[in-house]
């Protein structure tokens, strides 16, 4: 379950931000996660409960902003929205797609005290 290591990385980033900016508590955490990032939401929720326990983000509200998958189609030249990496182009049915977005994951912002 790589979601545990993802949340461990988030915890480390929060701790570094707290040291640099002098806050003591995170009340809300907003994440942007692309549909193509390969993150299982239920496993991520479980990981937050376990990994953030005892941290300055324990009990923080977690909001996940879902980012669409995007790909460039080599057949029709359009940028299209996709749900899965192996989707066909919804415009022309082409199969030569290059992922352009939706595989990212980042902390958008924190509400802190």
N, C-alpha and C. Protein backbone atom coordinates (compact mmCIF):
# COMPACT_ATOMS: atom_id res chain seq x y z
N UNK A 1 0.85 -1.18 0.00
CA UNK A 1 0.00 0.00 0.00
C UNK A 1 0.90 1.24 0.00
N UNK A 2 1.09 1.83 -1.18
CA UNK A 2 1.96 2.99 -1.29
C UNK A 2 1.32 4.26 -0.74
N UNK A 3 0.04 4.22 -0.44
CA UNK A 3 -0.62 5.39 0.14
C UNK A 3 -0.02 5.75 1.50
N UNK A 4 0.46 4.75 2.24
CA UNK A 4 1.11 5.03 3.54
C UNK A 4 2.35 5.89 3.32
N UNK A 5 3.17 5.54 2.34
CA UNK A 5 4.38 6.33 2.08
C UNK A 5 4.04 7.71 1.52
N UNK A 6 2.95 7.80 0.79
CA UNK A 6 2.50 9.11 0.29
C UNK A 6 2.18 10.02 1.48
N UNK A 7 1.41 9.50 2.42
CA UNK A 7 1.02 10.31 3.58
C UNK A 7 2.22 10.59 4.48
N UNK A 8 3.16 9.67 4.57
CA UNK A 8 4.38 9.95 5.32
C UNK A 8 5.13 11.12 4.69
N UNK A 9 5.16 11.18 3.36
CA UNK A 9 5.77 12.32 2.68
C UNK A 9 5.02 13.62 2.95
N UNK A 10 3.70 13.55 2.99
CA UNK A 10 2.89 14.73 3.31
C UNK A 10 3.18 15.18 4.73
N UNK A 11 3.26 14.23 5.66
CA UNK A 11 3.56 14.56 7.06
C UNK A 11 4.92 15.26 7.15
N UNK A 12 5.92 14.75 6.46
CA UNK A 12 7.25 15.37 6.46
C UNK A 12 7.18 16.79 5.90
N UNK A 13 6.46 16.98 4.80
CA UNK A 13 6.32 18.31 4.20
C UNK A 13 5.64 19.28 5.16
N UNK A 14 4.62 18.80 5.88
CA UNK A 14 3.92 19.65 6.85
C UNK A 14 4.86 20.03 7.99
N UNK A 15 5.63 19.06 8.50
CA UNK A 15 6.57 19.33 9.59
C UNK A 15 7.63 20.35 9.16
N UNK A 16 8.13 20.23 7.94
CA UNK A 16 9.12 21.18 7.44
C UNK A 16 8.51 22.57 7.29
N UNK A 17 7.26 22.64 6.79
CA UNK A 17 6.58 23.93 6.65
C UNK A 17 6.32 24.56 8.02
N UNK A 18 6.00 23.74 9.02
CA UNK A 18 5.77 24.25 10.37
C UNK A 18 7.04 24.85 10.95
N UNK A 19 8.16 24.16 10.75
CA UNK A 19 9.44 24.71 11.23
C UNK A 19 9.78 26.01 10.53
N UNK A 20 9.56 26.07 9.24
CA UNK A 20 9.92 27.26 8.47
C UNK A 20 8.98 28.43 8.71
N UNK A 21 7.71 28.14 9.03
CA UNK A 21 6.71 29.21 9.13
C UNK A 21 6.15 29.42 10.53
N UNK A 22 6.54 28.59 11.47
CA UNK A 22 6.17 28.80 12.86
C UNK A 22 4.72 28.53 13.22
N UNK A 23 4.08 27.57 12.61
CA UNK A 23 2.73 27.22 13.05
C UNK A 23 2.77 25.93 13.86
N UNK A 24 1.71 25.73 14.67
CA UNK A 24 1.71 24.60 15.60
C UNK A 24 0.62 23.57 15.33
N UNK A 25 -0.33 23.89 14.46
CA UNK A 25 -1.46 22.99 14.23
C UNK A 25 -2.00 23.20 12.82
N UNK A 26 -2.31 22.10 12.15
CA UNK A 26 -2.97 22.14 10.85
C UNK A 26 -4.43 21.76 11.08
N UNK A 27 -5.34 22.64 10.65
CA UNK A 27 -6.76 22.36 10.82
C UNK A 27 -7.41 21.85 9.55
N UNK A 28 -6.79 22.17 8.41
CA UNK A 28 -7.33 21.72 7.13
C UNK A 28 -6.19 21.55 6.13
N UNK A 29 -6.29 20.50 5.35
CA UNK A 29 -5.30 20.16 4.34
C UNK A 29 -6.02 19.93 3.03
N UNK A 30 -5.62 20.65 1.98
CA UNK A 30 -6.22 20.43 0.67
C UNK A 30 -5.16 19.86 -0.27
N UNK A 31 -5.51 18.74 -0.90
CA UNK A 31 -4.61 18.07 -1.83
C UNK A 31 -5.21 18.07 -3.22
N UNK A 32 -4.37 18.19 -4.21
CA UNK A 32 -4.78 17.99 -5.59
C UNK A 32 -4.21 16.65 -6.03
N UNK A 33 -5.10 15.76 -6.47
CA UNK A 33 -4.68 14.43 -6.90
C UNK A 33 -5.32 14.14 -8.25
N UNK A 34 -4.47 13.85 -9.22
CA UNK A 34 -4.95 13.52 -10.56
C UNK A 34 -5.56 12.13 -10.62
N UNK A 35 -6.51 11.98 -11.50
CA UNK A 35 -7.18 10.68 -11.68
C UNK A 35 -6.23 9.59 -12.13
N UNK A 36 -5.13 9.98 -12.74
CA UNK A 36 -4.17 9.00 -13.26
C UNK A 36 -3.01 8.76 -12.30
N UNK A 37 -3.10 9.30 -11.08
CA UNK A 37 -2.00 9.19 -10.12
C UNK A 37 -1.90 7.80 -9.48
N UNK A 38 -2.91 6.98 -9.64
CA UNK A 38 -2.87 5.63 -9.10
C UNK A 38 -3.05 5.58 -7.59
N UNK A 39 -3.80 6.52 -7.05
CA UNK A 39 -4.04 6.58 -5.61
C UNK A 39 -5.41 6.02 -5.29
N UNK A 40 -5.44 5.08 -4.37
CA UNK A 40 -6.70 4.47 -3.92
C UNK A 40 -7.23 5.32 -2.77
N UNK A 41 -8.41 5.92 -2.95
CA UNK A 41 -8.96 6.85 -1.96
C UNK A 41 -9.18 6.22 -0.59
N UNK A 42 -9.75 5.02 -0.54
CA UNK A 42 -10.01 4.37 0.75
C UNK A 42 -8.71 4.10 1.48
N UNK A 43 -7.70 3.66 0.76
CA UNK A 43 -6.39 3.40 1.37
C UNK A 43 -5.75 4.71 1.83
N UNK A 44 -5.96 5.78 1.07
CA UNK A 44 -5.42 7.09 1.46
C UNK A 44 -6.08 7.58 2.74
N UNK A 45 -7.39 7.43 2.84
CA UNK A 45 -8.11 7.84 4.06
C UNK A 45 -7.59 7.07 5.27
N UNK A 46 -7.41 5.78 5.12
CA UNK A 46 -6.86 4.96 6.19
C UNK A 46 -5.47 5.43 6.58
N UNK A 47 -4.64 5.70 5.57
CA UNK A 47 -3.27 6.15 5.82
C UNK A 47 -3.25 7.48 6.58
N UNK A 48 -4.15 8.39 6.24
CA UNK A 48 -4.21 9.65 6.97
C UNK A 48 -4.50 9.41 8.45
N UNK A 49 -5.46 8.54 8.72
CA UNK A 49 -5.80 8.25 10.12
C UNK A 49 -4.61 7.68 10.88
N UNK A 50 -3.85 6.81 10.25
CA UNK A 50 -2.73 6.14 10.93
C UNK A 50 -1.49 7.03 11.00
N UNK A 51 -1.08 7.57 9.88
CA UNK A 51 0.20 8.29 9.79
C UNK A 51 0.16 9.65 10.48
N UNK A 52 -0.97 10.33 10.43
CA UNK A 52 -1.03 11.67 11.04
C UNK A 52 -1.35 11.64 12.53
N UNK A 53 -1.62 10.46 13.07
CA UNK A 53 -1.90 10.33 14.50
C UNK A 53 -0.68 10.82 15.29
N UNK A 54 -0.91 11.74 16.20
CA UNK A 54 0.16 12.28 17.02
C UNK A 54 0.95 13.40 16.37
N UNK A 55 0.59 13.77 15.15
CA UNK A 55 1.30 14.85 14.46
C UNK A 55 0.53 16.16 14.62
N UNK A 56 1.10 17.24 14.15
CA UNK A 56 0.41 18.53 14.24
C UNK A 56 -0.74 18.62 13.24
N UNK A 57 -0.92 17.59 12.40
CA UNK A 57 -2.05 17.55 11.47
C UNK A 57 -3.10 16.52 11.90
N UNK A 58 -2.93 15.93 13.07
CA UNK A 58 -3.93 14.97 13.54
C UNK A 58 -5.29 15.65 13.65
N UNK A 59 -6.30 15.02 13.09
CA UNK A 59 -7.66 15.55 13.15
C UNK A 59 -7.96 16.63 12.12
N UNK A 60 -6.98 16.98 11.30
CA UNK A 60 -7.21 18.00 10.28
C UNK A 60 -8.23 17.49 9.26
N UNK A 61 -9.07 18.39 8.78
CA UNK A 61 -9.98 18.06 7.70
C UNK A 61 -9.15 17.92 6.42
N UNK A 62 -9.38 16.85 5.70
CA UNK A 62 -8.64 16.61 4.45
C UNK A 62 -9.62 16.72 3.30
N UNK A 63 -9.31 17.62 2.38
CA UNK A 63 -10.14 17.80 1.18
C UNK A 63 -9.28 17.41 -0.02
N UNK A 64 -9.82 16.55 -0.86
CA UNK A 64 -9.10 16.11 -2.05
C UNK A 64 -9.78 16.73 -3.28
N UNK A 65 -8.99 17.44 -4.04
CA UNK A 65 -9.46 18.05 -5.28
C UNK A 65 -9.05 17.11 -6.41
N UNK A 66 -10.04 16.59 -7.10
CA UNK A 66 -9.82 15.61 -8.17
C UNK A 66 -9.45 16.35 -9.46
N UNK A 67 -8.29 16.03 -10.01
CA UNK A 67 -7.86 16.63 -11.27
C UNK A 67 -8.08 15.63 -12.41
N UNK A 68 -8.62 16.10 -13.51
CA UNK A 68 -8.89 15.18 -14.63
C UNK A 68 -7.61 14.72 -15.31
N UNK A 69 -7.70 13.56 -15.93
CA UNK A 69 -6.59 13.09 -16.75
C UNK A 69 -6.65 13.79 -18.10
N UNK A 70 -5.51 14.19 -18.62
CA UNK A 70 -5.46 14.85 -19.92
C UNK A 70 -4.38 14.19 -20.75
N UNK A 71 -4.65 14.12 -22.04
CA UNK A 71 -3.68 13.53 -22.96
C UNK A 71 -3.71 14.25 -24.29
N UNK A 72 -2.58 14.25 -24.96
CA UNK A 72 -2.49 14.77 -26.32
C UNK A 72 -2.64 13.58 -27.26
N UNK A 73 -3.51 13.72 -28.25
CA UNK A 73 -3.73 12.66 -29.23
C UNK A 73 -2.86 12.93 -30.45
N UNK A 74 -2.01 11.97 -30.78
CA UNK A 74 -1.15 12.11 -31.96
C UNK A 74 -1.94 11.93 -33.26
N UNK A 75 -3.12 11.31 -33.18
CA UNK A 75 -3.90 11.08 -34.39
C UNK A 75 -4.69 12.32 -34.83
N UNK A 76 -5.36 12.99 -33.88
CA UNK A 76 -6.17 14.15 -34.26
C UNK A 76 -5.56 15.48 -33.80
N UNK A 77 -4.52 15.41 -32.97
CA UNK A 77 -3.84 16.62 -32.54
C UNK A 77 -4.52 17.38 -31.41
N UNK A 78 -5.57 16.83 -30.85
CA UNK A 78 -6.29 17.52 -29.78
C UNK A 78 -5.81 17.08 -28.41
N UNK A 79 -6.00 17.96 -27.43
CA UNK A 79 -5.81 17.60 -26.03
C UNK A 79 -7.17 17.20 -25.50
N UNK A 80 -7.24 16.00 -24.91
CA UNK A 80 -8.53 15.43 -24.50
C UNK A 80 -8.47 14.99 -23.04
N UNK A 81 -9.66 14.87 -22.45
CA UNK A 81 -9.77 14.37 -21.08
C UNK A 81 -9.94 12.86 -21.13
N UNK A 82 -9.18 12.15 -20.26
CA UNK A 82 -9.27 10.69 -20.19
C UNK A 82 -9.44 10.26 -18.74
N UNK A 83 -10.00 9.08 -18.55
CA UNK A 83 -10.20 8.52 -17.21
C UNK A 83 -9.09 7.55 -16.82
N UNK A 84 -8.52 6.86 -17.82
CA UNK A 84 -7.51 5.83 -17.59
C UNK A 84 -6.38 6.00 -18.60
N UNK A 85 -5.21 5.55 -18.25
CA UNK A 85 -4.05 5.69 -19.14
C UNK A 85 -4.22 4.98 -20.48
N UNK A 86 -4.98 3.92 -20.53
CA UNK A 86 -5.13 3.16 -21.77
C UNK A 86 -6.41 3.51 -22.54
N UNK A 87 -7.05 4.63 -22.18
CA UNK A 87 -8.24 5.06 -22.91
C UNK A 87 -7.89 5.40 -24.35
N UNK A 88 -8.91 5.33 -25.20
CA UNK A 88 -8.75 5.80 -26.57
C UNK A 88 -9.19 7.27 -26.62
N UNK A 89 -8.81 7.94 -27.68
CA UNK A 89 -9.18 9.35 -27.83
C UNK A 89 -10.69 9.46 -27.98
N UNK A 90 -11.34 10.27 -27.13
CA UNK A 90 -12.80 10.42 -27.24
C UNK A 90 -13.21 11.23 -28.47
N UNK A 91 -12.27 11.90 -29.11
CA UNK A 91 -12.58 12.70 -30.29
C UNK A 91 -12.52 11.88 -31.57
N UNK A 92 -11.45 11.08 -31.72
CA UNK A 92 -11.25 10.39 -33.00
C UNK A 92 -11.12 8.88 -32.88
N UNK A 93 -11.04 8.36 -31.65
CA UNK A 93 -10.88 6.92 -31.46
C UNK A 93 -9.44 6.46 -31.59
N UNK A 94 -8.53 7.40 -31.74
CA UNK A 94 -7.12 7.05 -31.86
C UNK A 94 -6.57 6.45 -30.58
N UNK A 95 -5.51 5.68 -30.73
CA UNK A 95 -4.91 4.99 -29.57
C UNK A 95 -3.54 5.54 -29.20
N UNK A 96 -3.07 6.52 -29.94
CA UNK A 96 -1.73 7.07 -29.66
C UNK A 96 -1.88 8.34 -28.82
N UNK A 97 -2.00 8.15 -27.51
CA UNK A 97 -2.19 9.26 -26.58
C UNK A 97 -0.96 9.41 -25.69
N UNK A 98 -0.60 10.65 -25.43
CA UNK A 98 0.50 10.97 -24.52
C UNK A 98 -0.09 11.73 -23.33
N UNK A 99 0.04 11.17 -22.14
CA UNK A 99 -0.50 11.80 -20.93
C UNK A 99 0.16 13.16 -20.74
N UNK A 100 -0.67 14.18 -20.53
CA UNK A 100 -0.20 15.55 -20.33
C UNK A 100 -0.53 16.08 -18.94
N UNK A 101 -1.41 15.41 -18.21
CA UNK A 101 -1.80 15.87 -16.89
C UNK A 101 -2.74 14.88 -16.24
N UNK A 102 -2.90 15.04 -14.95
CA UNK A 102 -3.77 14.15 -14.20
C UNK A 102 -3.02 13.06 -13.46
N UNK A 103 -1.69 13.07 -13.56
CA UNK A 103 -0.90 12.09 -12.82
C UNK A 103 -0.17 12.76 -11.66
N UNK A 104 -0.47 14.03 -11.43
CA UNK A 104 0.20 14.78 -10.38
C UNK A 104 -0.51 14.62 -9.03
N UNK A 105 0.24 14.97 -8.00
CA UNK A 105 -0.30 14.96 -6.65
C UNK A 105 0.48 16.01 -5.87
N UNK A 106 -0.23 16.94 -5.23
CA UNK A 106 0.46 17.99 -4.49
C UNK A 106 -0.42 18.55 -3.39
N UNK A 107 0.24 19.12 -2.39
CA UNK A 107 -0.46 19.85 -1.34
C UNK A 107 -0.82 21.21 -1.93
N UNK A 108 -2.11 21.50 -2.01
CA UNK A 108 -2.54 22.80 -2.54
C UNK A 108 -2.37 23.88 -1.50
N UNK A 109 -2.90 23.63 -0.29
CA UNK A 109 -2.73 24.60 0.79
C UNK A 109 -3.09 23.97 2.14
N UNK A 110 -2.75 24.69 3.17
CA UNK A 110 -3.02 24.28 4.55
C UNK A 110 -3.70 25.43 5.28
N UNK A 111 -4.62 25.10 6.17
CA UNK A 111 -5.11 26.09 7.14
C UNK A 111 -4.43 25.73 8.45
N UNK A 112 -3.81 26.73 9.07
CA UNK A 112 -2.98 26.47 10.24
C UNK A 112 -3.31 27.43 11.38
N UNK A 113 -2.86 27.03 12.57
CA UNK A 113 -2.98 27.89 13.76
C UNK A 113 -1.58 28.14 14.28
